[in-house]
C-alpha atoms as a PDB file:
ATOM      1  CA  UNK A   1     -62.391 -46.920-146.467  1.00  0.00           C
ATOM      2  CA  UNK A   2     -64.318 -49.111-144.348  1.00  0.00           C
ATOM      3  CA  UNK A   3     -63.110 -49.579-140.964  1.00  0.00           C
ATOM      4  CA  UNK A   4     -62.986 -53.350-139.426  1.00  0.00           C
ATOM      5  CA  UNK A   5     -65.082 -54.722-136.733  1.00  0.00           C
ATOM      6  CA  UNK A   6     -63.180 -55.961-133.947  1.00  0.00           C
ATOM      7  CA  UNK A   7     -63.617 -60.050-134.037  1.00  0.00           C
ATOM      8  CA  UNK A   8     -62.489 -59.936-130.166  1.00  0.00           C
ATOM      9  CA  UNK A   9     -64.648 -60.705-126.536  1.00  0.00           C
ATOM     10  CA  UNK A  10     -65.841 -57.749-124.950  1.00  0.00           C
ATOM     11  CA  UNK A  11     -64.988 -57.583-121.520  1.00  0.00           C
ATOM     12  CA  UNK A  12     -69.215 -58.383-120.588  1.00  0.00           C
ATOM     13  CA  UNK A  13     -68.487 -61.448-122.540  1.00  0.00           C
ATOM     14  CA  UNK A  14     -64.675 -62.775-121.369  1.00  0.00           C
ATOM     15  CA  UNK A  15     -67.072 -62.450-117.593  1.00  0.00           C
ATOM     16  CA  UNK A  16     -69.851 -64.543-118.633  1.00  0.00           C
ATOM     17  CA  UNK A  17     -66.995 -66.978-119.842  1.00  0.00           C
ATOM     18  CA  UNK A  18     -65.495 -66.904-116.531  1.00  0.00           C
ATOM     19  CA  UNK A  19     -68.813 -67.165-114.441  1.00  0.00           C
ATOM     20  CA  UNK A  20     -69.459 -70.502-116.805  1.00  0.00           C
ATOM     21  CA  UNK A  21     -66.420 -71.845-116.557  1.00  0.00           C
ATOM     22  CA  UNK A  22     -66.101 -71.401-112.553  1.00  0.00           C
ATOM     23  CA  UNK A  23     -69.356 -72.699-112.736  1.00  0.00           C
ATOM     24  CA  UNK A  24     -68.295 -76.199-113.955  1.00  0.00           C
ATOM     25  CA  UNK A  25     -65.195 -76.218-112.382  1.00  0.00           C
ATOM     26  CA  UNK A  26     -66.837 -76.195-109.367  1.00  0.00           C
ATOM     27  CA  UNK A  27     -69.607 -78.740-110.259  1.00  0.00           C
ATOM     28  CA  UNK A  28     -66.647 -80.940-110.932  1.00  0.00           C
ATOM     29  CA  UNK A  29     -65.053 -80.376-108.036  1.00  0.00           C
ATOM     30  CA  UNK A  30     -67.314 -81.701-105.252  1.00  0.00           C
ATOM     31  CA  UNK A  31     -68.243 -84.637-106.525  1.00  0.00           C
ATOM     32  CA  UNK A  32     -64.475 -85.403-107.576  1.00  0.00           C
ATOM     33  CA  UNK A  33     -63.999 -84.767-103.217  1.00  0.00           C
ATOM     34  CA  UNK A  34     -66.641 -86.628-101.877  1.00  0.00           C
ATOM     35  CA  UNK A  35     -64.568 -89.213-105.169  1.00  0.00           C
ATOM     36  CA  UNK A  36     -61.219 -88.378-102.879  1.00  0.00           C
ATOM     37  CA  UNK A  37     -62.897 -88.705 -99.082  1.00  0.00           C
ATOM     38  CA  UNK A  38     -64.459 -92.319 -99.980  1.00  0.00           C
ATOM     39  CA  UNK A  39     -61.370 -93.339-101.439  1.00  0.00           C
ATOM     40  CA  UNK A  40     -59.325 -92.557 -98.126  1.00  0.00           C
ATOM     41  CA  UNK A  41     -62.502 -94.114 -96.129  1.00  0.00           C
ATOM     42  CA  UNK A  42     -62.136 -97.261 -97.964  1.00  0.00           C
ATOM     43  CA  UNK A  43     -58.165 -97.310 -98.191  1.00  0.00           C
ATOM     44  CA  UNK A  44     -58.616 -97.366 -93.678  1.00  0.00           C
ATOM     45  CA  UNK A  45     -61.237 -99.295 -93.609  1.00  0.00           C
ATOM     46  CA  UNK A  46     -58.823-101.963 -95.956  1.00  0.00           C
ATOM     47  CA  UNK A  47     -55.837-101.197 -93.120  1.00  0.00           C
ATOM     48  CA  UNK A  48     -57.780-101.437 -90.288  1.00  0.00           C
ATOM     49  CA  UNK A  49     -58.845-104.666 -91.934  1.00  0.00           C
ATOM     50  CA  UNK A  50     -55.250-105.935 -92.473  1.00  0.00           C
ATOM     51  CA  UNK A  51     -54.365-104.971 -88.605  1.00  0.00           C
ATOM     52  CA  UNK A  52     -56.887-107.620 -87.197  1.00  0.00           C
ATOM     53  CA  UNK A  53     -55.555-109.956 -89.735  1.00  0.00           C
ATOM     54  CA  UNK A  54     -51.486-109.087 -88.525  1.00  0.00           C
ATOM     55  CA  UNK A  55     -52.926-109.631 -84.999  1.00  0.00           C
ATOM     56  CA  UNK A  56     -54.517-113.432 -85.783  1.00  0.00           C
ATOM     57  CA  UNK A  57     -51.413-113.534 -86.859  1.00  0.00           C
ATOM     58  CA  UNK A  58     -49.245-112.755 -83.950  1.00  0.00           C
ATOM     59  CA  UNK A  59     -51.010-113.927 -81.826  1.00  0.00           C
ATOM     60  CA  UNK A  60     -50.920-117.650 -83.876  1.00  0.00           C
ATOM     61  CA  UNK A  61     -47.129-117.091 -83.528  1.00  0.00           C
ATOM     62  CA  UNK A  62     -46.634-115.612 -80.016  1.00  0.00           C
ATOM     63  CA  UNK A  63     -49.663-117.276 -78.422  1.00  0.00           C
ATOM     64  CA  UNK A  64     -50.202-114.353 -77.023  1.00  0.00           C
ATOM     65  CA  UNK A  65     -51.744-110.591 -78.716  1.00  0.00           C
ATOM     66  CA  UNK A  66     -49.162-107.538 -78.657  1.00  0.00           C
ATOM     67  CA  UNK A  67     -48.937-104.728 -76.486  1.00  0.00           C
ATOM     68  CA  UNK A  68     -49.766-101.202 -77.671  1.00  0.00           C
ATOM     69  CA  UNK A  69     -47.159 -99.415 -79.180  1.00  0.00           C
ATOM     70  CA  UNK A  70     -43.837 -98.097 -77.204  1.00  0.00           C
ATOM     71  CA  UNK A  71     -44.537 -94.206 -78.722  1.00  0.00           C
ATOM     72  CA  UNK A  72     -46.134 -91.658 -81.503  1.00  0.00           C
ATOM     73  CA  UNK A  73     -41.996 -91.964 -82.884  1.00  0.00           C
ATOM     74  CA  UNK A  74     -41.800 -95.503 -81.722  1.00  0.00           C
ATOM     75  CA  UNK A  75     -43.986 -98.438 -83.131  1.00  0.00           C
ATOM     76  CA  UNK A  76     -42.554-101.359 -81.329  1.00  0.00           C
ATOM     77  CA  UNK A  77     -44.942-103.302 -78.400  1.00  0.00           C
ATOM     78  CA  UNK A  78     -44.067-101.366 -75.807  1.00  0.00           C
ATOM     79  CA  UNK A  79     -43.753-104.634 -73.368  1.00  0.00           C
ATOM     80  CA  UNK A  80     -42.008-105.582 -69.727  1.00  0.00           C
ATOM     81  CA  UNK A  81     -40.891-108.893 -69.342  1.00  0.00           C
ATOM     82  CA  UNK A  82     -44.235-110.786 -69.712  1.00  0.00           C
ATOM     83  CA  UNK A  83     -46.328-107.972 -69.418  1.00  0.00           C
ATOM     84  CA  UNK A  84     -47.316-104.735 -70.871  1.00  0.00           C
ATOM     85  CA  UNK A  85     -45.012-102.172 -69.293  1.00  0.00           C
ATOM     86  CA  UNK A  86     -47.350-100.654 -66.776  1.00  0.00           C
ATOM     87  CA  UNK A  87     -49.828-102.441 -67.547  1.00  0.00           C
ATOM     88  CA  UNK A  88     -51.021-100.166 -70.035  1.00  0.00           C
ATOM     89  CA  UNK A  89     -54.285-101.912 -72.179  1.00  0.00           C
ATOM     90  CA  UNK A  90     -54.597 -99.061 -74.605  1.00  0.00           C
ATOM     91  CA  UNK A  91     -52.230 -96.797 -77.197  1.00  0.00           C
ATOM     92  CA  UNK A  92     -50.879 -96.514 -80.764  1.00  0.00           C
ATOM     93  CA  UNK A  93     -51.199 -99.616 -82.685  1.00  0.00           C
ATOM     94  CA  UNK A  94     -47.644-101.425 -82.666  1.00  0.00           C
ATOM     95  CA  UNK A  95     -47.480-100.162 -86.168  1.00  0.00           C
ATOM     96  CA  UNK A  96     -43.686-101.653 -86.155  1.00  0.00           C
ATOM     97  CA  UNK A  97     -43.800-105.112 -84.602  1.00  0.00           C
ATOM     98  CA  UNK A  98     -47.104-106.239 -86.800  1.00  0.00           C
ATOM     99  CA  UNK A  99     -45.385-104.619 -90.387  1.00  0.00           C
ATOM    100  CA  UNK A 100     -48.309-102.057 -90.986  1.00  0.00           C
ATOM    101  CA  UNK A 101     -48.662 -98.815 -92.254  1.00  0.00           C
ATOM    102  CA  UNK A 102     -48.080 -96.704 -88.968  1.00  0.00           C
ATOM    103  CA  UNK A 103     -51.324 -93.709 -90.398  1.00  0.00           C
ATOM    104  CA  UNK A 104     -54.611 -93.794 -91.493  1.00  0.00           C
ATOM    105  CA  UNK A 105     -55.338 -91.796 -94.394  1.00  0.00           C
ATOM    106  CA  UNK A 106     -56.116 -88.324 -92.796  1.00  0.00           C
ATOM    107  CA  UNK A 107     -52.890 -89.042 -90.880  1.00  0.00           C
ATOM    108  CA  UNK A 108     -53.792 -89.926 -87.895  1.00  0.00           C
ATOM    109  CA  UNK A 109     -52.080 -92.729 -85.638  1.00  0.00           C
ATOM    110  CA  UNK A 110     -54.854 -96.029 -85.426  1.00  0.00           C
ATOM    111  CA  UNK A 111     -55.483 -96.691 -81.302  1.00  0.00           C
ATOM    112  CA  UNK A 112     -55.176 -99.807 -80.328  1.00  0.00           C
ATOM    113  CA  UNK A 113     -56.984-101.733 -76.705  1.00  0.00           C
ATOM    114  CA  UNK A 114     -56.322-105.293 -75.642  1.00  0.00           C
ATOM    115  CA  UNK A 115     -57.684-107.098 -73.125  1.00  0.00           C
ATOM    116  CA  UNK A 116     -54.489-107.784 -70.294  1.00  0.00           C
ATOM    117  CA  UNK A 117     -54.859-111.340 -69.919  1.00  0.00           C
ATOM    118  CA  UNK A 118     -54.528-111.543 -73.942  1.00  0.00           C
ATOM    119  CA  UNK A 119     -51.170-109.764 -73.573  1.00  0.00           C
ATOM    120  CA  UNK A 120     -49.531-112.129 -70.834  1.00  0.00           C
ATOM    121  CA  UNK A 121     -46.992-113.497 -72.801  1.00  0.00           C
ATOM    122  CA  UNK A 122     -45.757-115.516 -68.949  1.00  0.00           C
ATOM    123  CA  UNK A 123     -49.700-117.425 -69.035  1.00  0.00           C
ATOM    124  CA  UNK A 124     -51.030-117.138 -73.224  1.00  0.00           C
ATOM    125  CA  UNK A 125     -54.814-117.159 -72.939  1.00  0.00           C
ATOM    126  CA  UNK A 126     -56.987-120.267 -72.948  1.00  0.00           C
ATOM    127  CA  UNK A 127     -60.315-120.994 -74.177  1.00  0.00           C
ATOM    128  CA  UNK A 128     -61.304-120.075 -71.049  1.00  0.00           C
ATOM    129  CA  UNK A 129     -59.392-117.167 -70.541  1.00  0.00           C
ATOM    130  CA  UNK A 130     -61.788-114.086 -70.137  1.00  0.00           C
ATOM    131  CA  UNK A 131     -61.791-111.339 -72.252  1.00  0.00           C
ATOM    132  CA  UNK A 132     -63.161-107.489 -71.263  1.00  0.00           C
ATOM    133  CA  UNK A 133     -64.164-104.774 -74.103  1.00  0.00           C
ATOM    134  CA  UNK A 134     -67.682-105.050 -75.356  1.00  0.00           C
ATOM    135  CA  UNK A 135     -68.587-103.393 -78.921  1.00  0.00           C
ATOM    136  CA  UNK A 136     -72.293-101.344 -79.284  1.00  0.00           C
ATOM    137  CA  UNK A 137     -73.504 -99.680 -82.235  1.00  0.00           C
ATOM    138  CA  UNK A 138     -77.397 -97.808 -82.620  1.00  0.00           C
ATOM    139  CA  UNK A 139     -80.308 -99.547 -83.848  1.00  0.00           C
ATOM    140  CA  UNK A 140     -82.886 -97.317 -86.472  1.00  0.00           C
ATOM    141  CA  UNK A 141     -84.530 -95.777 -83.628  1.00  0.00           C
ATOM    142  CA  UNK A 142     -80.936 -94.279 -82.225  1.00  0.00           C
ATOM    143  CA  UNK A 143     -80.902 -96.701 -79.330  1.00  0.00           C
ATOM    144  CA  UNK A 144     -77.169 -97.724 -77.899  1.00  0.00           C
ATOM    145  CA  UNK A 145     -77.291-101.583 -78.622  1.00  0.00           C
ATOM    146  CA  UNK A 146     -75.110-104.505 -78.345  1.00  0.00           C
ATOM    147  CA  UNK A 147     -72.444-105.252 -81.615  1.00  0.00           C
ATOM    148  CA  UNK A 148     -70.407-108.074 -79.567  1.00  0.00           C
ATOM    149  CA  UNK A 149     -71.029-109.804 -76.163  1.00  0.00           C
ATOM    150  CA  UNK A 150     -70.830-108.086 -72.951  1.00  0.00           C
ATOM    151  CA  UNK A 151     -66.987-108.039 -72.011  1.00  0.00           C
ATOM    152  CA  UNK A 152     -66.697-110.586 -75.253  1.00  0.00           C
ATOM    153  CA  UNK A 153     -63.658-108.923 -77.072  1.00  0.00           C
ATOM    154  CA  UNK A 154     -59.937-109.240 -76.890  1.00  0.00           C
ATOM    155  CA  UNK A 155     -59.048-106.822 -78.408  1.00  0.00           C
ATOM    156  CA  UNK A 156     -59.829-103.788 -80.803  1.00  0.00           C
ATOM    157  CA  UNK A 157     -58.535-101.748 -83.089  1.00  0.00           C
ATOM    158  CA  UNK A 158     -59.561 -97.923 -84.574  1.00  0.00           C
ATOM    159  CA  UNK A 159     -59.250 -94.827 -86.468  1.00  0.00           C
ATOM    160  CA  UNK A 160     -60.715 -91.475 -85.553  1.00  0.00           C
ATOM    161  CA  UNK A 161     -61.988 -91.004 -89.190  1.00  0.00           C
ATOM    162  CA  UNK A 162     -61.998 -87.776 -90.987  1.00  0.00           C
ATOM    163  CA  UNK A 163     -62.389 -85.194 -88.237  1.00  0.00           C
ATOM    164  CA  UNK A 164     -59.921 -86.918 -86.290  1.00  0.00           C
ATOM    165  CA  UNK A 165     -61.491 -86.680 -83.203  1.00  0.00           C
ATOM    166  CA  UNK A 166     -59.515 -87.961 -80.210  1.00  0.00           C
ATOM    167  CA  UNK A 167     -56.842 -88.791 -82.424  1.00  0.00           C
ATOM    168  CA  UNK A 168     -52.769 -87.954 -82.674  1.00  0.00           C
ATOM    169  CA  UNK A 169     -50.838 -87.136 -85.762  1.00  0.00           C
ATOM    170  CA  UNK A 170     -47.699 -88.981 -86.761  1.00  0.00           C
ATOM    171  CA  UNK A 171     -45.663 -85.835 -84.260  1.00  0.00           C
ATOM    172  CA  UNK A 172     -48.140 -87.363 -81.150  1.00  0.00           C
ATOM    173  CA  UNK A 173     -49.854 -84.168 -80.847  1.00  0.00           C
ATOM    174  CA  UNK A 174     -53.533 -84.925 -80.015  1.00  0.00           C
ATOM    175  CA  UNK A 175     -56.008 -83.206 -81.947  1.00  0.00           C
ATOM    176  CA  UNK A 176     -59.545 -81.756 -80.239  1.00  0.00           C
ATOM    177  CA  UNK A 177     -61.605 -83.517 -78.341  1.00  0.00           C
ATOM    178  CA  UNK A 178     -64.865 -84.375 -79.675  1.00  0.00           C
ATOM    179  CA  UNK A 179     -68.034 -81.753 -78.413  1.00  0.00           C
ATOM    180  CA  UNK A 180     -70.207 -82.202 -76.631  1.00  0.00           C
ATOM    181  CA  UNK A 181     -72.433 -83.369 -79.386  1.00  0.00           C
ATOM    182  CA  UNK A 182     -70.086 -85.847 -80.814  1.00  0.00           C
ATOM    183  CA  UNK A 183     -71.363 -88.706 -77.901  1.00  0.00           C
ATOM    184  CA  UNK A 184     -70.254 -91.908 -79.462  1.00  0.00           C
ATOM    185  CA  UNK A 185     -66.537 -90.170 -80.761  1.00  0.00           C
ATOM    186  CA  UNK A 186     -66.208 -89.263 -76.991  1.00  0.00           C
ATOM    187  CA  UNK A 187     -67.627 -92.302 -75.563  1.00  0.00           C
ATOM    188  CA  UNK A 188     -64.205 -94.179 -77.986  1.00  0.00           C
ATOM    189  CA  UNK A 189     -62.021 -91.753 -76.690  1.00  0.00           C
ATOM    190  CA  UNK A 190     -61.925 -93.054 -73.182  1.00  0.00           C
ATOM    191  CA  UNK A 191     -58.742 -93.568 -72.137  1.00  0.00           C
ATOM    192  CA  UNK A 192     -60.043 -97.385 -70.064  1.00  0.00           C
ATOM    193  CA  UNK A 193     -60.357 -98.628 -73.205  1.00  0.00           C
ATOM    194  CA  UNK A 194     -62.928-101.245 -72.694  1.00  0.00           C
ATOM    195  CA  UNK A 195     -66.436 -99.415 -74.249  1.00  0.00           C
ATOM    196  CA  UNK A 196     -66.154 -98.759 -77.612  1.00  0.00           C
ATOM    197  CA  UNK A 197     -69.338 -97.892 -80.649  1.00  0.00           C
ATOM    198  CA  UNK A 198     -69.216 -98.791 -83.680  1.00  0.00           C
ATOM    199  CA  UNK A 199     -72.265 -97.257 -86.395  1.00  0.00           C
ATOM    200  CA  UNK A 200     -72.369 -95.557 -89.866  1.00  0.00           C
ATOM    201  CA  UNK A 201     -70.784 -92.247 -90.588  1.00  0.00           C
ATOM    202  CA  UNK A 202     -73.012 -89.455 -90.100  1.00  0.00           C
ATOM    203  CA  UNK A 203     -72.771 -85.181 -90.292  1.00  0.00           C
ATOM    204  CA  UNK A 204     -75.955 -85.242 -88.594  1.00  0.00           C
ATOM    205  CA  UNK A 205     -75.123 -83.112 -85.424  1.00  0.00           C
ATOM    206  CA  UNK A 206     -78.662 -83.808 -84.209  1.00  0.00           C
ATOM    207  CA  UNK A 207     -79.248 -87.414 -85.036  1.00  0.00           C
ATOM    208  CA  UNK A 208     -78.971 -90.154 -81.787  1.00  0.00           C
ATOM    209  CA  UNK A 209     -74.795 -89.824 -80.606  1.00  0.00           C
ATOM    210  CA  UNK A 210     -74.105 -87.131 -82.941  1.00  0.00           C
ATOM    211  CA  UNK A 211     -72.027 -86.575 -85.731  1.00  0.00           C
ATOM    212  CA  UNK A 212     -69.947 -89.334 -86.508  1.00  0.00           C
ATOM    213  CA  UNK A 213     -66.688 -90.589 -88.627  1.00  0.00           C
ATOM    214  CA  UNK A 214     -64.842 -93.055 -86.479  1.00  0.00           C
ATOM    215  CA  UNK A 215     -64.261 -96.386 -87.977  1.00  0.00           C
ATOM    216  CA  UNK A 216     -63.733 -99.657 -85.918  1.00  0.00           C
ATOM    217  CA  UNK A 217     -62.828-103.098 -85.670  1.00  0.00           C
ATOM    218  CA  UNK A 218     -62.651-105.824 -83.711  1.00  0.00           C
ATOM    219  CA  UNK A 219     -60.972-109.309 -82.908  1.00  0.00           C
ATOM    220  CA  UNK A 220     -63.640-111.879 -82.956  1.00  0.00           C
ATOM    221  CA  UNK A 221     -62.651-114.638 -79.805  1.00  0.00           C
ATOM    222  CA  UNK A 222     -64.597-117.332 -82.048  1.00  0.00           C
ATOM    223  CA  UNK A 223     -62.359-116.329 -84.775  1.00  0.00           C
ATOM    224  CA  UNK A 224     -59.042-115.816 -83.191  1.00  0.00           C
ATOM    225  CA  UNK A 225     -60.394-119.588 -81.297  1.00  0.00           C
ATOM    226  CA  UNK A 226     -60.712-121.040 -84.564  1.00  0.00           C
ATOM    227  CA  UNK A 227     -57.486-120.009 -85.892  1.00  0.00           C
ATOM    228  CA  UNK A 228     -55.652-121.186 -82.984  1.00  0.00           C
ATOM    229  CA  UNK A 229     -57.739-124.616 -82.754  1.00  0.00           C
ATOM    230  CA  UNK A 230     -56.941-125.189 -86.436  1.00  0.00           C
ATOM    231  CA  UNK A 231     -53.422-124.465 -85.941  1.00  0.00           C
ATOM    232  CA  UNK A 232     -52.795-126.616 -83.310  1.00  0.00           C
ATOM    233  CA  UNK A 233     -51.760-123.893 -81.037  1.00  0.00           C
ATOM    234  CA  UNK A 234     -54.928-124.068 -78.973  1.00  0.00           C
ATOM    235  CA  UNK A 235     -56.802-125.721 -76.549  1.00  0.00           C
END
């Protein structure tokens, strides 16, 4: 009687198949991970744009800009009478007051800084009210250059990006500070909250300003004044 030949896979063949499948899955996961990261960045950028619009709307409604949030757990603005509690100018975006999401796409609270004269409800800002925030960027040669007028911005909102350096979790736990190579991200952590840097994301630690993934938006005084005048809130 003739013996039938086993038609199953041998261990070697199985191993080859598993290697091929592994390579295929690995090749698919890399683009998928990149797409997910792009989506997180786009979603965070969209929320920041909405935050800017919400700040403009708050100013139109009240005649001044909100104070930073009370805490990581309480998103109402931290106001004591007509001024921000303790004259505080920077902290978390007051998401509850503005009706916005609390966190960016990486689970960190949005940071917010406001020129004190613009958050004073007893003396609402006017066209001549001085601002004190400056935004810089880097040119093609890596040099710091102005992205806005010097001391010309009333308020700024930012996400500390994927790495979260300098950011805070929903529970108020601070992430690690930016390393010595993350020069521009370190500048954005300054508690004084009057000078910020915005530029394209980069993983290159040797680039001017170091690796960078913060996302920064600001309230233009010209747009703010235009909206206020159109709504007859100014002059």
